[in-house]
Amino acid sequence: MLDLRLYANDLIGRQFKTKINASGFTGEVHVWNKVREFQIEKVYAHHCVCIHKCEDNDNTYRESFSAADLEALGVISEIWRAKKC
């Protein structure tokens, strides 16, 4: 299993976007798909904690992403490509 702490210097501060399926209402519009931008804040062995700032207000929230999530989103592959060059 991949230990994300080996890449902590490259991961902390990195921003990435996710597209999620969201259900709820914003005003009168039903939101189905939304792109959210996260910034990696803390790195642990098998997951990292990311922060997201809401566009509509000053609220922030934290979400955890696993190493598999980061790989699926292309974050880890970007780091590997940069290290090989």
PDB file of N, CA and C in Angstrom:
ATOM      1  N   MET A   1       0.849  -1.182   0.000  1.00  0.00           N
ATOM      2  CA  MET A   1       0.000   0.000   0.000  1.00  0.00           C
ATOM      3  C   MET A   1       0.893   1.243   0.000  1.00  0.00           C
ATOM      4  N   LEU A   2       0.476   2.250  -0.713  1.00  0.00           N
ATOM      5  CA  LEU A   2       1.228   3.491  -0.858  1.00  0.00           C
ATOM      6  C   LEU A   2       1.201   4.301   0.440  1.00  0.00           C
ATOM      7  N   ASP A   3       2.363   4.764   0.884  1.00  0.00           N
ATOM      8  CA  ASP A   3       2.460   5.621   2.063  1.00  0.00           C
ATOM      9  C   ASP A   3       2.548   7.064   1.578  1.00  0.00           C
ATOM     10  N   LEU A   4       1.479   7.807   1.756  1.00  0.00           N
ATOM     11  CA  LEU A   4       1.421   9.178   1.260  1.00  0.00           C
ATOM     12  C   LEU A   4       2.425  10.104   1.936  1.00  0.00           C
ATOM     13  N   ARG A   5       2.884   9.739   3.123  1.00  0.00           N
ATOM     14  CA  ARG A   5       3.848  10.599   3.822  1.00  0.00           C
ATOM     15  C   ARG A   5       5.143  10.751   3.026  1.00  0.00           C
ATOM     16  N   LEU A   6       5.451   9.780   2.162  1.00  0.00           N
ATOM     17  CA  LEU A   6       6.645   9.879   1.324  1.00  0.00           C
ATOM     18  C   LEU A   6       6.543  11.036   0.329  1.00  0.00           C
ATOM     19  N   TYR A   7       5.324  11.456   0.030  1.00  0.00           N
ATOM     20  CA  TYR A   7       5.079  12.531  -0.936  1.00  0.00           C
ATOM     21  C   TYR A   7       4.516  13.784  -0.271  1.00  0.00           C
ATOM     22  N   ALA A   8       4.593  13.866   1.053  1.00  0.00           N
ATOM     23  CA  ALA A   8       3.966  14.959   1.799  1.00  0.00           C
ATOM     24  C   ALA A   8       4.423  16.332   1.311  1.00  0.00           C
ATOM     25  N   ASN A   9       5.721  16.501   1.050  1.00  0.00           N
ATOM     26  CA  ASN A   9       6.210  17.810   0.601  1.00  0.00           C
ATOM     27  C   ASN A   9       5.596  18.217  -0.730  1.00  0.00           C
ATOM     28  N   ASP A  10       5.320  17.253  -1.584  1.00  0.00           N
ATOM     29  CA  ASP A  10       4.712  17.543  -2.877  1.00  0.00           C
ATOM     30  C   ASP A  10       3.191  17.667  -2.801  1.00  0.00           C
ATOM     31  N   LEU A  11       2.595  17.047  -1.798  1.00  0.00           N
ATOM     32  CA  LEU A  11       1.137  17.044  -1.698  1.00  0.00           C
ATOM     33  C   LEU A  11       0.579  18.255  -0.958  1.00  0.00           C
ATOM     34  N   ILE A  12       1.205  18.661   0.133  1.00  0.00           N
ATOM     35  CA  ILE A  12       0.667  19.753   0.948  1.00  0.00           C
ATOM     36  C   ILE A  12       0.616  21.028   0.119  1.00  0.00           C
ATOM     37  N   GLY A  13      -0.544  21.640   0.116  1.00  0.00           N
ATOM     38  CA  GLY A  13      -0.758  22.864  -0.639  1.00  0.00           C
ATOM     39  C   GLY A  13      -1.258  22.642  -2.058  1.00  0.00           C
ATOM     40  N   ARG A  14      -1.166  21.422  -2.554  1.00  0.00           N
ATOM     41  CA  ARG A  14      -1.609  21.113  -3.920  1.00  0.00           C
ATOM     42  C   ARG A  14      -3.130  21.240  -3.990  1.00  0.00           C
ATOM     43  N   GLN A  15      -3.608  21.828  -5.074  1.00  0.00           N
ATOM     44  CA  GLN A  15      -5.038  21.983  -5.290  1.00  0.00           C
ATOM     45  C   GLN A  15      -5.505  21.036  -6.389  1.00  0.00           C
ATOM     46  N   PHE A  16      -6.708  20.543  -6.239  1.00  0.00           N
ATOM     47  CA  PHE A  16      -7.304  19.685  -7.258  1.00  0.00           C
ATOM     48  C   PHE A  16      -8.813  19.855  -7.223  1.00  0.00           C
ATOM     49  N   LYS A  17      -9.446  19.477  -8.316  1.00  0.00           N
ATOM     50  CA  LYS A  17     -10.894  19.621  -8.435  1.00  0.00           C
ATOM     51  C   LYS A  17     -11.548  18.256  -8.512  1.00  0.00           C
ATOM     52  N   THR A  18     -12.737  18.184  -7.959  1.00  0.00           N
ATOM     53  CA  THR A  18     -13.542  16.972  -8.044  1.00  0.00           C
ATOM     54  C   THR A  18     -14.907  17.344  -8.588  1.00  0.00           C
ATOM     55  N   LYS A  19     -15.515  16.417  -9.265  1.00  0.00           N
ATOM     56  CA  LYS A  19     -16.887  16.600  -9.708  1.00  0.00           C
ATOM     57  C   LYS A  19     -17.727  15.604  -8.942  1.00  0.00           C
ATOM     58  N   ILE A  20     -18.664  16.105  -8.168  1.00  0.00           N
ATOM     59  CA  ILE A  20     -19.457  15.221  -7.329  1.00  0.00           C
ATOM     60  C   ILE A  20     -20.929  15.329  -7.715  1.00  0.00           C
ATOM     61  N   ASN A  21     -21.664  14.315  -7.389  1.00  0.00           N
ATOM     62  CA  ASN A  21     -23.114  14.362  -7.533  1.00  0.00           C
ATOM     63  C   ASN A  21     -23.677  14.884  -6.221  1.00  0.00           C
ATOM     64  N   ALA A  22     -24.353  16.006  -6.301  1.00  0.00           N
ATOM     65  CA  ALA A  22     -24.917  16.614  -5.101  1.00  0.00           C
ATOM     66  C   ALA A  22     -26.411  16.767  -5.307  1.00  0.00           C
ATOM     67  N   SER A  23     -27.143  16.557  -4.262  1.00  0.00           N
ATOM     68  CA  SER A  23     -28.574  16.804  -4.353  1.00  0.00           C
ATOM     69  C   SER A  23     -28.932  17.847  -3.317  1.00  0.00           C
ATOM     70  N   GLY A  24     -29.741  18.758  -3.710  1.00  0.00           N
ATOM     71  CA  GLY A  24     -30.158  19.827  -2.831  1.00  0.00           C
ATOM     72  C   GLY A  24     -30.623  20.991  -3.669  1.00  0.00           C
ATOM     73  N   PHE A  25     -31.023  22.030  -3.026  1.00  0.00           N
ATOM     74  CA  PHE A  25     -31.535  23.176  -3.750  1.00  0.00           C
ATOM     75  C   PHE A  25     -30.719  24.412  -3.415  1.00  0.00           C
ATOM     76  N   THR A  26     -30.400  25.166  -4.454  1.00  0.00           N
ATOM     77  CA  THR A  26     -29.779  26.463  -4.296  1.00  0.00           C
ATOM     78  C   THR A  26     -30.790  27.451  -4.862  1.00  0.00           C
ATOM     79  N   GLY A  27     -31.434  28.170  -4.002  1.00  0.00           N
ATOM     80  CA  GLY A  27     -32.533  29.010  -4.474  1.00  0.00           C
ATOM     81  C   GLY A  27     -33.617  28.104  -5.014  1.00  0.00           C
ATOM     82  N   GLU A  28     -33.917  28.224  -6.299  1.00  0.00           N
ATOM     83  CA  GLU A  28     -34.927  27.376  -6.918  1.00  0.00           C
ATOM     84  C   GLU A  28     -34.318  26.376  -7.882  1.00  0.00           C
ATOM     85  N   VAL A  29     -33.009  26.303  -7.931  1.00  0.00           N
ATOM     86  CA  VAL A  29     -32.325  25.431  -8.886  1.00  0.00           C
ATOM     87  C   VAL A  29     -31.848  24.177  -8.161  1.00  0.00           C
ATOM     88  N   HIS A  30     -32.161  23.023  -8.738  1.00  0.00           N
ATOM     89  CA  HIS A  30     -31.705  21.758  -8.156  1.00  0.00           C
ATOM     90  C   HIS A  30     -30.285  21.482  -8.649  1.00  0.00           C
ATOM     91  N   VAL A  31     -29.371  21.242  -7.736  1.00  0.00           N
ATOM     92  CA  VAL A  31     -27.967  21.024  -8.087  1.00  0.00           C
ATOM     93  C   VAL A  31     -27.718  19.526  -8.220  1.00  0.00           C
ATOM     94  N   TRP A  32     -27.233  19.071  -9.400  1.00  0.00           N
ATOM     95  CA  TRP A  32     -26.923  17.661  -9.592  1.00  0.00           C
ATOM     96  C   TRP A  32     -25.442  17.406  -9.591  1.00  0.00           C
ATOM     97  N   ASN A  33     -24.713  18.132 -10.403  1.00  0.00           N
ATOM     98  CA  ASN A  33     -23.269  17.951 -10.479  1.00  0.00           C
ATOM     99  C   ASN A  33     -22.596  19.260 -10.109  1.00  0.00           C
ATOM    100  N   LYS A  34     -21.568  19.169  -9.312  1.00  0.00           N
ATOM    101  CA  LYS A  34     -20.880  20.370  -8.882  1.00  0.00           C
ATOM    102  C   LYS A  34     -19.389  20.082  -8.842  1.00  0.00           C
ATOM    103  N   VAL A  35     -18.608  21.029  -9.314  1.00  0.00           N
ATOM    104  CA  VAL A  35     -17.164  20.916  -9.253  1.00  0.00           C
ATOM    105  C   VAL A  35     -16.703  21.636  -7.991  1.00  0.00           C
ATOM    106  N   ARG A  36     -15.925  20.934  -7.205  1.00  0.00           N
ATOM    107  CA  ARG A  36     -15.393  21.543  -5.977  1.00  0.00           C
ATOM    108  C   ARG A  36     -13.876  21.501  -6.025  1.00  0.00           C
ATOM    109  N   GLU A  37     -13.264  22.574  -5.557  1.00  0.00           N
ATOM    110  CA  GLU A  37     -11.808  22.647  -5.521  1.00  0.00           C
ATOM    111  C   GLU A  37     -11.334  22.456  -4.084  1.00  0.00           C
ATOM    112  N   PHE A  38     -10.378  21.567  -3.923  1.00  0.00           N
ATOM    113  CA  PHE A  38      -9.818  21.262  -2.617  1.00  0.00           C
ATOM    114  C   PHE A  38      -8.339  21.596  -2.585  1.00  0.00           C
ATOM    115  N   GLN A  39      -7.847  21.893  -1.395  1.00  0.00           N
ATOM    116  CA  GLN A  39      -6.412  22.086  -1.185  1.00  0.00           C
ATOM    117  C   GLN A  39      -5.984  21.128  -0.086  1.00  0.00           C
ATOM    118  N   ILE A  40      -4.910  20.396  -0.339  1.00  0.00           N
ATOM    119  CA  ILE A  40      -4.428  19.412   0.632  1.00  0.00           C
ATOM    120  C   ILE A  40      -3.784  20.145   1.804  1.00  0.00           C
ATOM    121  N   GLU A  41      -4.266  19.820   2.990  1.00  0.00           N
ATOM    122  CA  GLU A  41      -3.833  20.518   4.200  1.00  0.00           C
ATOM    123  C   GLU A  41      -2.909  19.655   5.068  1.00  0.00           C
ATOM    124  N   LYS A  42      -3.270  18.394   5.263  1.00  0.00           N
ATOM    125  CA  LYS A  42      -2.481  17.483   6.100  1.00  0.00           C
ATOM    126  C   LYS A  42      -2.377  16.133   5.406  1.00  0.00           C
ATOM    127  N   VAL A  43      -1.221  15.499   5.558  1.00  0.00           N
ATOM    128  CA  VAL A  43      -0.993  14.204   4.914  1.00  0.00           C
ATOM    129  C   VAL A  43      -0.692  13.162   5.982  1.00  0.00           C
ATOM    130  N   TYR A  44      -1.373  12.043   5.913  1.00  0.00           N
ATOM    131  CA  TYR A  44      -1.154  10.907   6.800  1.00  0.00           C
ATOM    132  C   TYR A  44      -0.746   9.715   5.940  1.00  0.00           C
ATOM    133  N   ALA A  45      -0.519   8.583   6.539  1.00  0.00           N
ATOM    134  CA  ALA A  45      -0.007   7.420   5.810  1.00  0.00           C
ATOM    135  C   ALA A  45      -0.902   7.016   4.637  1.00  0.00           C
ATOM    136  N   HIS A  46      -2.195   6.913   4.864  1.00  0.00           N
ATOM    137  CA  HIS A  46      -3.072   6.370   3.830  1.00  0.00           C
ATOM    138  C   HIS A  46      -4.213   7.296   3.431  1.00  0.00           C
ATOM    139  N   HIS A  47      -4.201   8.528   3.950  1.00  0.00           N
ATOM    140  CA  HIS A  47      -5.210   9.507   3.545  1.00  0.00           C
ATOM    141  C   HIS A  47      -4.671  10.914   3.779  1.00  0.00           C
ATOM    142  N   CYS A  48      -5.363  11.876   3.220  1.00  0.00           N
ATOM    143  CA  CYS A  48      -4.995  13.266   3.478  1.00  0.00           C
ATOM    144  C   CYS A  48      -6.264  14.051   3.787  1.00  0.00           C
ATOM    145  N   VAL A  49      -6.098  15.138   4.507  1.00  0.00           N
ATOM    146  CA  VAL A  49      -7.207  16.007   4.864  1.00  0.00           C
ATOM    147  C   VAL A  49      -7.113  17.243   3.977  1.00  0.00           C
ATOM    148  N   CYS A  50      -8.221  17.554   3.326  1.00  0.00           N
ATOM    149  CA  CYS A  50      -8.253  18.671   2.390  1.00  0.00           C
ATOM    150  C   CYS A  50      -9.294  19.679   2.846  1.00  0.00           C
ATOM    151  N   ILE A  51      -9.093  20.917   2.445  1.00  0.00           N
ATOM    152  CA  ILE A  51     -10.005  21.991   2.807  1.00  0.00           C
ATOM    153  C   ILE A  51     -10.675  22.516   1.541  1.00  0.00           C
ATOM    154  N   HIS A  52     -11.944  22.853   1.677  1.00  0.00           N
ATOM    155  CA  HIS A  52     -12.707  23.428   0.572  1.00  0.00           C
ATOM    156  C   HIS A  52     -13.359  24.706   1.086  1.00  0.00           C
ATOM    157  N   LYS A  53     -13.240  25.781   0.326  1.00  0.00           N
ATOM    158  CA  LYS A  53     -13.897  27.043   0.676  1.00  0.00           C
ATOM    159  C   LYS A  53     -15.103  27.214  -0.236  1.00  0.00           C
ATOM    160  N   CYS A  54     -16.244  27.434   0.370  1.00  0.00           N
ATOM    161  CA  CYS A  54     -17.473  27.605  -0.399  1.00  0.00           C
ATOM    162  C   CYS A  54     -17.415  28.886  -1.215  1.00  0.00           C
ATOM    163  N   GLU A  55     -17.948  28.816  -2.417  1.00  0.00           N
ATOM    164  CA  GLU A  55     -17.939  29.970  -3.304  1.00  0.00           C
ATOM    165  C   GLU A  55     -18.961  31.025  -2.872  1.00  0.00           C
ATOM    166  N   ASP A  56     -20.075  30.581  -2.331  1.00  0.00           N
ATOM    167  CA  ASP A  56     -21.170  31.490  -2.003  1.00  0.00           C
ATOM    168  C   ASP A  56     -20.973  32.259  -0.704  1.00  0.00           C
ATOM    169  N   ASN A  57     -20.167  31.715   0.203  1.00  0.00           N
ATOM    170  CA  ASN A  57     -19.964  32.363   1.499  1.00  0.00           C
ATOM    171  C   ASN A  57     -18.559  32.034   1.996  1.00  0.00           C
ATOM    172  N   ASP A  58     -18.247  32.419   3.198  1.00  0.00           N
ATOM    173  CA  ASP A  58     -16.913  32.201   3.748  1.00  0.00           C
ATOM    174  C   ASP A  58     -16.774  30.874   4.483  1.00  0.00           C
ATOM    175  N   ASN A  59     -17.743  30.004   4.371  1.00  0.00           N
ATOM    176  CA  ASN A  59     -17.673  28.714   5.059  1.00  0.00           C
ATOM    177  C   ASN A  59     -16.591  27.840   4.438  1.00  0.00           C
ATOM    178  N   THR A  60     -15.922  27.081   5.291  1.00  0.00           N
ATOM    179  CA  THR A  60     -14.949  26.096   4.826  1.00  0.00           C
ATOM    180  C   THR A  60     -15.288  24.754   5.462  1.00  0.00           C
ATOM    181  N   TYR A  61     -14.920  23.698   4.777  1.00  0.00           N
ATOM    182  CA  TYR A  61     -15.073  22.389   5.389  1.00  0.00           C
ATOM    183  C   TYR A  61     -13.918  21.507   4.979  1.00  0.00           C
ATOM    184  N   ARG A  62     -13.691  20.469   5.742  1.00  0.00           N
ATOM    185  CA  ARG A  62     -12.602  19.534   5.498  1.00  0.00           C
ATOM    186  C   ARG A  62     -13.165  18.190   5.089  1.00  0.00           C
ATOM    187  N   GLU A  63     -12.431  17.558   4.192  1.00  0.00           N
ATOM    188  CA  GLU A  63     -12.821  16.233   3.727  1.00  0.00           C
ATOM    189  C   GLU A  63     -11.568  15.390   3.604  1.00  0.00           C
ATOM    190  N   SER A  64     -11.703  14.115   3.853  1.00  0.00           N
ATOM    191  CA  SER A  64     -10.579  13.196   3.791  1.00  0.00           C
ATOM    192  C   SER A  64     -10.618  12.433   2.471  1.00  0.00           C
ATOM    193  N   PHE A  65      -9.447  12.302   1.835  1.00  0.00           N
ATOM    194  CA  PHE A  65      -9.314  11.527   0.605  1.00  0.00           C
ATOM    195  C   PHE A  65      -8.264  10.451   0.824  1.00  0.00           C
ATOM    196  N   SER A  66      -8.556   9.244   0.381  1.00  0.00           N
ATOM    197  CA  SER A  66      -7.610   8.138   0.507  1.00  0.00           C
ATOM    198  C   SER A  66      -6.573   8.213  -0.608  1.00  0.00           C
ATOM    199  N   ALA A  67      -5.532   7.401  -0.483  1.00  0.00           N
ATOM    200  CA  ALA A  67      -4.517   7.320  -1.532  1.00  0.00           C
ATOM    201  C   ALA A  67      -5.162   6.885  -2.843  1.00  0.00           C
ATOM    202  N   ALA A  68      -6.112   5.968  -2.781  1.00  0.00           N
ATOM    203  CA  ALA A  68      -6.812   5.514  -3.982  1.00  0.00           C
ATOM    204  C   ALA A  68      -7.619   6.650  -4.612  1.00  0.00           C
ATOM    205  N   ASP A  69      -8.248   7.483  -3.774  1.00  0.00           N
ATOM    206  CA  ASP A  69      -8.983   8.641  -4.291  1.00  0.00           C
ATOM    207  C   ASP A  69      -8.047   9.583  -5.040  1.00  0.00           C
ATOM    208  N   LEU A  70      -6.903   9.877  -4.432  1.00  0.00           N
ATOM    209  CA  LEU A  70      -5.936  10.792  -5.053  1.00  0.00           C
ATOM    210  C   LEU A  70      -5.402  10.221  -6.359  1.00  0.00           C
ATOM    211  N   GLU A  71      -5.224   8.911  -6.393  1.00  0.00           N
ATOM    212  CA  GLU A  71      -4.752   8.274  -7.618  1.00  0.00           C
ATOM    213  C   GLU A  71      -5.823   8.352  -8.705  1.00  0.00           C
ATOM    214  N   ALA A  72      -7.073   8.101  -8.336  1.00  0.00           N
ATOM    215  CA  ALA A  72      -8.172   8.161  -9.301  1.00  0.00           C
ATOM    216  C   ALA A  72      -8.381   9.575  -9.830  1.00  0.00           C
ATOM    217  N   LEU A  73      -8.125  10.582  -9.002  1.00  0.00           N
ATOM    218  CA  LEU A  73      -8.285  11.970  -9.409  1.00  0.00           C
ATOM    219  C   LEU A  73      -7.081  12.502 -10.189  1.00  0.00           C
ATOM    220  N   GLY A  74      -6.024  11.695 -10.273  1.00  0.00           N
ATOM    221  CA  GLY A  74      -4.847  12.095 -11.036  1.00  0.00           C
ATOM    222  C   GLY A  74      -3.831  12.915 -10.265  1.00  0.00           C
ATOM    223  N   VAL A  75      -4.049  13.140  -8.986  1.00  0.00           N
ATOM    224  CA  VAL A  75      -3.133  13.964  -8.187  1.00  0.00           C
ATOM    225  C   VAL A  75      -1.791  13.269  -8.024  1.00  0.00           C
ATOM    226  N   ILE A  76      -1.797  11.990  -7.702  1.00  0.00           N
ATOM    227  CA  ILE A  76      -0.545  11.262  -7.471  1.00  0.00           C
ATOM    228  C   ILE A  76       0.208  11.052  -8.780  1.00  0.00           C
ATOM    229  N   SER A  77      -0.502  10.783  -9.863  1.00  0.00           N
ATOM    230  CA  SER A  77       0.189  10.566 -11.137  1.00  0.00           C
ATOM    231  C   SER A  77       0.890  11.837 -11.609  1.00  0.00           C
ATOM    232  N   GLU A  78       0.359  13.016 -11.297  1.00  0.00           N
ATOM    233  CA  GLU A  78       1.034  14.276 -11.628  1.00  0.00           C
ATOM    234  C   GLU A  78       2.366  14.379 -10.909  1.00  0.00           C
ATOM    235  N   ILE A  79       2.397  13.973  -9.655  1.00  0.00           N
ATOM    236  CA  ILE A  79       3.630  14.026  -8.864  1.00  0.00           C
ATOM    237  C   ILE A  79       4.648  13.052  -9.433  1.00  0.00           C
ATOM    238  N   TRP A  80       4.201  11.827  -9.769  1.00  0.00           N
ATOM    239  CA  TRP A  80       5.130  10.829 -10.327  1.00  0.00           C
ATOM    240  C   TRP A  80       5.708  11.302 -11.640  1.00  0.00           C
ATOM    241  N   ARG A  81       4.895  11.913 -12.495  1.00  0.00           N
ATOM    242  CA  ARG A  81       5.408  12.421 -13.773  1.00  0.00           C
ATOM    243  C   ARG A  81       6.426  13.522 -13.545  1.00  0.00           C
ATOM    244  N   ALA A  82       6.177  14.405 -12.599  1.00  0.00           N
ATOM    245  CA  ALA A  82       7.093  15.511 -12.313  1.00  0.00           C
ATOM    246  C   ALA A  82       8.425  14.989 -11.766  1.00  0.00           C
ATOM    247  N   LYS A  83       8.379  13.933 -10.954  1.00  0.00           N
ATOM    248  CA  LYS A  83       9.604  13.379 -10.356  1.00  0.00           C
ATOM    249  C   LYS A  83      10.466  12.667 -11.406  1.00  0.00           C
ATOM    250  N   LYS A  84       9.825  12.085 -12.427  1.00  0.00           N
ATOM    251  CA  LYS A  84      10.568  11.344 -13.445  1.00  0.00           C
ATOM    252  C   LYS A  84      11.315  12.275 -14.397  1.00  0.00           C
ATOM    253  N   CYS A  85      10.840  13.494 -14.560  1.00  0.00           N
ATOM    254  CA  CYS A  85      11.476  14.446 -15.499  1.00  0.00           C
ATOM    255  C   CYS A  85      12.741  15.054 -14.937  1.00  0.00           C
TER     256      CYS A  85
END
